N, C-alpha and C. Protein backbone atom coordinates (compact mmCIF):
# COMPACT_ATOMS: atom_id res chain seq x y z
N MET A 1 -20.72 6.76 5.01
CA MET A 1 -21.71 6.29 5.54
C MET A 1 -22.37 5.05 4.85
N TYR A 2 -22.88 4.48 5.43
CA TYR A 2 -23.48 3.75 5.20
C TYR A 2 -25.21 3.38 6.08
N LEU A 3 -25.90 2.98 5.66
CA LEU A 3 -27.16 3.17 6.43
C LEU A 3 -27.87 1.53 6.59
N ARG A 4 -28.38 0.89 7.24
CA ARG A 4 -29.16 -0.33 7.38
C ARG A 4 -30.29 -0.06 7.43
N PHE A 5 -31.99 -0.48 7.26
CA PHE A 5 -33.01 -0.94 8.22
C PHE A 5 -32.98 -1.57 8.82
N ILE A 6 -33.41 -1.50 9.72
CA ILE A 6 -33.33 -3.20 10.63
C ILE A 6 -35.02 -2.91 11.10
N SER A 7 -34.78 -4.29 10.85
CA SER A 7 -36.66 -4.39 11.45
C SER A 7 -36.65 -5.70 13.09
N PRO A 8 -38.32 -5.29 13.92
CA PRO A 8 -37.94 -5.89 15.27
C PRO A 8 -37.59 -7.09 15.31
N VAL A 9 -37.92 -7.64 13.91
CA VAL A 9 -37.82 -9.58 13.61
C VAL A 9 -36.62 -9.84 14.17
N ARG A 10 -36.36 -10.80 15.45
CA ARG A 10 -35.32 -11.10 15.87
C ARG A 10 -34.98 -13.01 15.94
N PRO A 11 -34.30 -12.99 14.72
CA PRO A 11 -34.19 -14.46 14.88
C PRO A 11 -33.25 -15.11 16.17
N SER A 12 -34.14 -16.45 16.37
CA SER A 12 -33.28 -17.26 17.60
C SER A 12 -32.31 -17.21 17.27
N ALA A 13 -31.77 -17.63 16.90
CA ALA A 13 -30.16 -19.01 16.47
C ALA A 13 -29.39 -17.28 16.12
N ARG A 14 -29.62 -16.37 15.85
CA ARG A 14 -28.57 -15.26 15.28
C ARG A 14 -28.64 -14.08 16.31
N SER A 15 -27.55 -13.22 16.39
CA SER A 15 -27.20 -12.03 17.97
C SER A 15 -27.54 -10.56 17.30
N ILE A 16 -27.94 -11.37 15.46
CA ILE A 16 -28.30 -9.49 14.77
C ILE A 16 -29.37 -9.78 14.36
N ASP A 17 -30.29 -8.61 14.59
CA ASP A 17 -31.77 -8.36 14.16
C ASP A 17 -31.77 -8.54 12.36
N TYR A 18 -33.11 -9.20 12.03
CA TYR A 18 -32.73 -8.33 10.15
C TYR A 18 -33.10 -7.77 9.86
N GLY A 19 -32.46 -7.64 8.55
CA GLY A 19 -32.87 -6.61 8.08
C GLY A 19 -33.88 -6.09 7.40
N LEU A 20 -34.38 -5.11 6.51
CA LEU A 20 -35.51 -4.90 5.50
C LEU A 20 -36.13 -5.93 5.08
N PHE A 21 -35.02 -6.68 4.09
CA PHE A 21 -35.55 -7.22 3.03
C PHE A 21 -36.46 -8.46 4.01
N GLN A 22 -35.45 -9.84 5.08
CA GLN A 22 -36.37 -10.46 5.84
C GLN A 22 -37.04 -10.05 6.65
N ALA A 23 -37.46 -8.62 6.69
CA ALA A 23 -38.73 -8.06 7.47
C ALA A 23 -40.10 -8.39 6.32
N ILE A 24 -40.08 -8.05 5.43
CA ILE A 24 -40.97 -8.39 4.35
C ILE A 24 -41.21 -9.83 3.96
N ILE A 25 -40.23 -10.65 4.02
CA ILE A 25 -40.38 -12.09 4.16
C ILE A 25 -41.34 -12.47 5.44
N ALA A 26 -40.79 -12.45 6.60
CA ALA A 26 -41.67 -12.34 7.97
C ALA A 26 -42.67 -12.43 7.53
N CYS A 27 -43.21 -10.92 7.36
CA CYS A 27 -44.67 -10.35 7.74
C CYS A 27 -45.63 -10.80 6.29
N ARG A 28 -44.64 -11.56 5.52
CA ARG A 28 -46.22 -12.27 4.65
C ARG A 28 -46.98 -12.64 5.20
N ASP A 29 -46.84 -13.53 6.27
CA ASP A 29 -47.89 -14.14 6.96
C ASP A 29 -48.59 -13.39 7.98
N TYR A 30 -48.27 -12.44 8.05
CA TYR A 30 -48.90 -11.48 9.33
C TYR A 30 -50.76 -11.10 8.92
N ASP A 31 -52.02 -11.86 9.68
CA ASP A 31 -52.90 -11.93 9.50
C ASP A 31 -53.46 -10.01 8.96
N ASP A 32 -53.07 -9.42 9.65
CA ASP A 32 -54.01 -7.95 9.09
C ASP A 32 -52.66 -7.08 7.91
N TYR A 33 -52.36 -7.87 7.06
CA TYR A 33 -52.11 -7.19 6.21
C TYR A 33 -52.79 -7.37 5.02
N PRO A 34 -53.66 -6.15 4.32
CA PRO A 34 -54.23 -5.98 3.33
C PRO A 34 -53.55 -6.71 1.71
N LYS A 35 -54.56 -6.80 0.95
CA LYS A 35 -53.97 -7.23 -0.08
C LYS A 35 -53.38 -6.13 -0.92
N TRP A 36 -53.88 -4.73 -0.93
CA TRP A 36 -53.13 -4.19 -1.59
C TRP A 36 -52.14 -3.76 -1.25
N LEU A 37 -51.92 -3.24 0.35
CA LEU A 37 -50.79 -3.35 0.90
C LEU A 37 -49.38 -4.54 0.67
N ARG A 38 -50.30 -5.52 0.61
CA ARG A 38 -49.20 -6.64 0.09
C ARG A 38 -48.44 -6.43 -1.06
N SER A 39 -49.70 -6.21 -1.84
CA SER A 39 -49.05 -5.89 -3.51
C SER A 39 -47.72 -4.92 -3.96
N GLN A 40 -48.69 -3.77 -2.76
CA GLN A 40 -47.30 -2.39 -2.79
C GLN A 40 -45.87 -3.02 -2.26
N VAL A 41 -45.98 -4.42 -0.77
CA VAL A 41 -45.21 -4.14 -0.34
C VAL A 41 -43.74 -5.30 -1.72
N GLU A 42 -44.57 -6.43 -2.09
CA GLU A 42 -44.08 -7.15 -2.72
C GLU A 42 -43.87 -6.82 -4.50
N ALA A 43 -44.34 -5.61 -4.98
CA ALA A 43 -43.84 -4.91 -5.92
C ALA A 43 -42.49 -4.56 -5.56
N GLU A 44 -42.18 -3.47 -4.41
CA GLU A 44 -40.96 -2.53 -4.31
C GLU A 44 -40.05 -4.35 -3.99
N PHE A 45 -40.25 -5.19 -3.36
CA PHE A 45 -39.39 -6.29 -3.16
C PHE A 45 -38.92 -6.61 -4.62
N ASP A 46 -40.01 -6.46 -5.78
CA ASP A 46 -39.84 -7.18 -6.65
C ASP A 46 -38.10 -6.08 -7.33
N TRP A 47 -39.16 -4.67 -7.38
CA TRP A 47 -38.22 -4.22 -7.54
C TRP A 47 -36.39 -4.54 -7.66
N PHE A 48 -36.35 -4.44 -6.33
CA PHE A 48 -35.08 -4.53 -4.92
C PHE A 48 -34.43 -6.16 -6.31
N LYS A 49 -34.79 -7.46 -5.96
CA LYS A 49 -34.90 -8.07 -6.62
C LYS A 49 -34.14 -8.17 -8.01
N THR A 50 -34.89 -7.20 -8.77
CA THR A 50 -34.14 -6.96 -10.60
C THR A 50 -33.13 -6.07 -10.48
N HIS A 51 -33.17 -5.29 -9.66
CA HIS A 51 -32.17 -4.00 -9.28
C HIS A 51 -30.52 -4.37 -8.48
N LEU A 52 -31.01 -4.71 -7.48
CA LEU A 52 -29.98 -4.61 -6.36
C LEU A 52 -29.37 -5.81 -6.39
N PRO A 53 -27.96 -5.98 -6.80
CA PRO A 53 -26.76 -7.69 -6.67
C PRO A 53 -27.36 -7.95 -5.77
N THR A 54 -26.98 -9.26 -5.77
CA THR A 54 -27.16 -10.19 -4.86
C THR A 54 -25.62 -11.22 -4.44
N PRO A 55 -25.47 -10.52 -3.82
CA PRO A 55 -23.57 -10.83 -3.37
C PRO A 55 -23.81 -12.56 -3.00
N ASN A 56 -22.86 -13.19 -3.81
CA ASN A 56 -22.13 -14.25 -3.40
C ASN A 56 -22.65 -14.97 -2.39
N GLU A 57 -23.45 -16.42 -2.07
CA GLU A 57 -23.15 -16.62 -0.91
C GLU A 57 -21.75 -16.70 -0.13
N ARG A 58 -20.70 -16.62 -0.63
CA ARG A 58 -19.14 -16.60 0.32
C ARG A 58 -18.89 -15.43 0.55
N VAL A 59 -19.55 -14.71 -0.22
CA VAL A 59 -19.40 -12.84 1.15
C VAL A 59 -19.33 -13.28 2.46
N PHE A 60 -20.29 -14.29 2.11
CA PHE A 60 -21.24 -14.22 4.18
C PHE A 60 -20.81 -15.00 4.85
N GLY A 61 -20.08 -16.03 4.14
CA GLY A 61 -19.27 -16.89 5.14
C GLY A 61 -19.87 -18.45 4.76
N ARG A 62 -20.49 -18.63 3.91
CA ARG A 62 -22.13 -19.91 4.02
C ARG A 62 -21.32 -20.79 4.98
N GLN A 63 -20.05 -21.64 4.87
CA GLN A 63 -19.38 -22.36 4.78
C GLN A 63 -18.81 -22.45 6.50
N ASN A 64 -19.38 -21.57 7.56
CA ASN A 64 -18.86 -21.43 8.57
C ASN A 64 -19.99 -20.91 9.09
N VAL A 65 -21.00 -21.67 9.80
CA VAL A 65 -22.36 -20.79 10.59
C VAL A 65 -21.83 -20.02 11.33
N ARG A 66 -21.07 -19.58 12.10
CA ARG A 66 -20.39 -18.78 12.78
C ARG A 66 -20.72 -17.71 12.20
N ALA A 67 -19.18 -17.63 11.14
CA ALA A 67 -19.42 -16.43 10.71
C ALA A 67 -20.69 -15.43 9.61
N LYS A 68 -21.34 -17.07 8.97
CA LYS A 68 -22.93 -16.74 8.76
C LYS A 68 -23.88 -15.25 9.15
N ALA A 69 -23.62 -15.69 10.80
CA ALA A 69 -24.23 -15.26 11.46
C ALA A 69 -24.28 -14.04 11.90
N ALA A 70 -22.51 -12.85 11.39
CA ALA A 70 -22.30 -12.20 11.02
C ALA A 70 -22.28 -11.31 10.49
N HIS A 71 -22.31 -11.67 9.04
CA HIS A 71 -22.33 -10.69 8.22
C HIS A 71 -23.81 -9.83 8.42
N ILE A 72 -23.59 -8.91 7.73
CA ILE A 72 -24.46 -7.70 7.39
C ILE A 72 -24.67 -7.01 6.18
N CYS A 73 -25.62 -6.65 5.53
CA CYS A 73 -25.69 -5.92 4.68
C CYS A 73 -26.43 -4.44 5.04
N TRP A 74 -25.46 -3.25 4.33
CA TRP A 74 -25.99 -2.18 4.70
C TRP A 74 -25.77 -1.22 2.81
N PHE A 75 -26.21 -0.33 3.27
CA PHE A 75 -26.49 0.31 1.84
C PHE A 75 -25.72 1.94 1.75
N ARG A 76 -25.20 1.89 1.03
CA ARG A 76 -24.31 2.73 0.50
C ARG A 76 -24.61 3.73 0.63
N ALA A 77 -24.70 5.65 1.34
CA ALA A 77 -25.09 6.34 1.40
C ALA A 77 -25.89 7.22 0.34
N GLU A 78 -24.66 7.00 -0.50
CA GLU A 78 -24.76 7.40 -2.01
C GLU A 78 -25.84 6.50 -3.16
N ALA A 79 -26.14 6.08 -2.45
CA ALA A 79 -27.24 4.39 -3.10
C ALA A 79 -28.85 5.24 -3.41
N SER A 80 -28.75 6.59 -3.74
CA SER A 80 -30.18 7.49 -3.12
C SER A 80 -31.63 6.96 -3.66
N GLU A 81 -31.68 6.03 -5.30
CA GLU A 81 -32.61 4.95 -4.95
C GLU A 81 -33.23 4.17 -4.28
N MET A 82 -32.03 3.36 -4.22
CA MET A 82 -32.26 2.34 -3.32
C MET A 82 -32.37 2.96 -1.85
N ILE A 83 -32.53 4.19 -1.70
CA ILE A 83 -32.55 4.43 -0.35
C ILE A 83 -33.98 4.54 0.33
N ASP A 84 -34.69 6.05 -1.08
CA ASP A 84 -35.53 5.84 -1.05
C ASP A 84 -36.89 4.75 -1.66
N ARG A 85 -36.12 3.76 -2.02
CA ARG A 85 -37.37 2.81 -2.27
C ARG A 85 -37.55 1.92 -0.77
N ALA A 86 -36.11 1.78 -0.05
CA ALA A 86 -36.05 1.40 1.24
C ALA A 86 -37.30 2.27 1.87
N PHE A 87 -37.18 3.42 2.31
CA PHE A 87 -38.15 4.12 2.86
C PHE A 87 -39.33 3.72 2.71
N LEU A 88 -39.97 3.89 1.15
CA LEU A 88 -41.03 3.28 0.83
C LEU A 88 -41.35 2.26 1.88
N ILE A 89 -40.89 1.23 1.20
CA ILE A 89 -41.42 0.21 2.40
C ILE A 89 -41.11 -0.15 3.85
N LYS A 90 -40.38 0.74 4.50
CA LYS A 90 -40.17 0.58 5.70
C LYS A 90 -41.42 1.50 6.22
N SER A 91 -42.62 2.30 5.55
CA SER A 91 -43.86 3.42 5.58
C SER A 91 -44.44 2.41 5.25
N LEU A 92 -44.53 1.14 3.97
CA LEU A 92 -45.66 0.48 3.99
C LEU A 92 -45.50 -0.93 5.43
N LEU A 93 -44.57 -1.35 5.34
CA LEU A 93 -44.64 -2.00 6.68
C LEU A 93 -44.74 -1.45 8.43
N ALA A 94 -44.83 -0.16 7.97
CA ALA A 94 -45.70 0.39 9.28
C ALA A 94 -47.25 0.67 8.96
N GLU A 95 -47.66 0.58 8.22
CA GLU A 95 -48.60 0.48 8.20
C GLU A 95 -49.45 -0.90 8.99
N ILE A 96 -48.72 -2.18 8.68
CA ILE A 96 -49.23 -3.07 9.59
C ILE A 96 -48.81 -3.24 11.09
N GLY A 97 -47.79 -2.37 11.31
CA GLY A 97 -47.49 -2.59 12.64
C GLY A 97 -45.65 -3.03 12.64
N CYS A 98 -45.04 -3.45 11.21
CA CYS A 98 -43.82 -3.67 11.44
C CYS A 98 -42.89 -2.46 11.14
N LEU A 99 -42.32 -1.75 12.55
CA LEU A 99 -41.59 -0.75 12.56
C LEU A 99 -40.05 -0.68 12.06
N ILE A 100 -39.79 -0.56 11.02
CA ILE A 100 -37.94 -0.33 11.04
C ILE A 100 -37.68 0.92 11.51
N VAL A 101 -36.62 0.45 11.77
CA VAL A 101 -35.69 1.71 12.35
C VAL A 101 -34.08 1.90 11.46
N VAL A 102 -33.77 2.64 10.80
CA VAL A 102 -32.54 3.17 10.37
C VAL A 102 -31.39 3.53 10.81
N SER A 103 -30.32 2.76 10.94
CA SER A 103 -29.33 3.29 11.33
C SER A 103 -27.88 3.43 10.59
N LYS A 104 -27.15 4.39 10.62
CA LYS A 104 -26.19 4.82 10.28
C LYS A 104 -25.25 4.66 10.78
N THR A 105 -24.27 4.30 10.07
CA THR A 105 -22.31 4.68 10.70
C THR A 105 -21.02 4.43 9.19
N SER A 106 -20.62 5.09 10.27
CA SER A 106 -19.45 5.08 9.22
C SER A 106 -18.35 3.65 9.46
N ASN A 107 -19.14 2.50 10.54
CA ASN A 107 -17.90 1.91 10.77
C ASN A 107 -18.44 0.83 10.54
N PRO A 108 -19.27 0.05 9.67
CA PRO A 108 -20.05 -1.50 9.95
C PRO A 108 -19.02 -2.59 9.71
N GLY A 109 -17.96 -2.51 10.84
CA GLY A 109 -17.44 -3.83 10.41
C GLY A 109 -16.08 -3.72 9.27
N THR A 110 -16.43 -5.11 9.07
CA THR A 110 -15.30 -5.53 7.64
C THR A 110 -16.06 -5.64 6.92
N ILE A 111 -16.10 -5.09 5.53
CA ILE A 111 -15.75 -5.45 4.43
C ILE A 111 -15.56 -6.19 3.57
N THR A 112 -16.52 -7.59 3.48
CA THR A 112 -16.39 -8.43 2.26
C THR A 112 -16.62 -8.61 1.14
N TYR A 113 -17.92 -7.90 0.63
CA TYR A 113 -18.24 -7.29 -0.14
C TYR A 113 -18.90 -5.93 -0.60
N SER A 114 -18.78 -5.10 -2.19
CA SER A 114 -18.79 -4.24 -2.22
C SER A 114 -19.28 -3.86 -3.84
N ASP A 115 -20.62 -3.41 -3.99
CA ASP A 115 -21.15 -2.61 -4.95
C ASP A 115 -21.11 -1.42 -4.78
N SER A 116 -22.08 -1.13 -6.44
CA SER A 116 -22.44 0.56 -6.35
C SER A 116 -23.15 0.90 -5.49
N TRP A 117 -23.99 0.04 -4.82
CA TRP A 117 -25.45 -0.03 -4.23
C TRP A 117 -24.81 -0.41 -2.19
N GLN A 118 -24.06 -0.67 -2.13
CA GLN A 118 -23.89 -1.67 -0.77
C GLN A 118 -23.00 -2.51 -0.42
N ILE A 119 -22.45 -2.70 0.82
CA ILE A 119 -21.28 -3.55 0.82
C ILE A 119 -22.30 -4.50 1.86
N VAL A 120 -21.81 -6.05 2.11
CA VAL A 120 -21.44 -6.76 2.97
C VAL A 120 -20.38 -6.58 3.78
N ALA A 121 -21.03 -6.12 5.44
CA ALA A 121 -19.85 -6.61 6.52
C ALA A 121 -19.90 -7.33 7.76
N ARG A 122 -18.68 -8.28 8.44
CA ARG A 122 -18.84 -8.84 9.78
C ARG A 122 -18.65 -7.08 10.67
N PRO A 123 -19.37 -7.40 11.30
CA PRO A 123 -19.76 -5.90 12.45
C PRO A 123 -18.33 -6.46 13.58
N ASP A 124 -18.31 -4.92 14.01
CA ASP A 124 -17.24 -5.12 15.19
C ASP A 124 -18.05 -4.36 16.20
N ARG A 125 -17.75 -4.25 17.46
CA ARG A 125 -18.10 -3.98 18.89
C ARG A 125 -18.93 -2.94 18.85
N LYS A 126 -17.71 -1.87 17.67
CA LYS A 126 -19.11 -0.44 17.17
C LYS A 126 -20.16 -0.14 16.63
N THR A 127 -20.58 -1.57 15.95
CA THR A 127 -21.45 -1.88 14.80
C THR A 127 -22.57 -2.02 15.04
N PRO A 128 -23.74 -0.98 15.25
CA PRO A 128 -25.41 -1.10 14.89
C PRO A 128 -25.80 -1.95 14.72
N ILE A 129 -26.69 -2.62 15.29
CA ILE A 129 -26.99 -4.44 14.97
C ILE A 129 -28.07 -4.76 15.35
N LYS A 130 -28.80 -4.36 16.42
CA LYS A 130 -30.10 -4.01 17.17
C LYS A 130 -31.35 -3.15 16.34
N TRP A 131 -32.33 -3.55 16.58
CA TRP A 131 -33.57 -3.16 16.56
C TRP A 131 -33.89 -2.42 18.10
N ILE A 132 -33.83 -0.71 17.82
CA ILE A 132 -34.17 -0.30 19.40
C ILE A 132 -34.95 0.96 19.41
């Protein structure tokens, strides 16, 4: 089982809604973002930057713009510390009105990268990709 935290932030060039980390970046410019809350979100984001491996750009198909748009990241269900911290960020972002939904699937599509905490996959028709 895999989990993805999906944001309502919908990029115009992609058919797949942003995930949790892109939502953090997008919400940095919110006017109603108290300093204490921004600090907490940034601290959690920094923790992920330190502890969650960043897949090489090649797994996203950066050479091919169409492929780049199709690859998305999922947490492995057994990555409990990562998921707990993602839920914390979800609740912090809700404080500023950025509601994140959690999607679960056993069919993330074609896996192009895998480590102990996450996978990157190119979704197929059955893969949930939208914030709803």
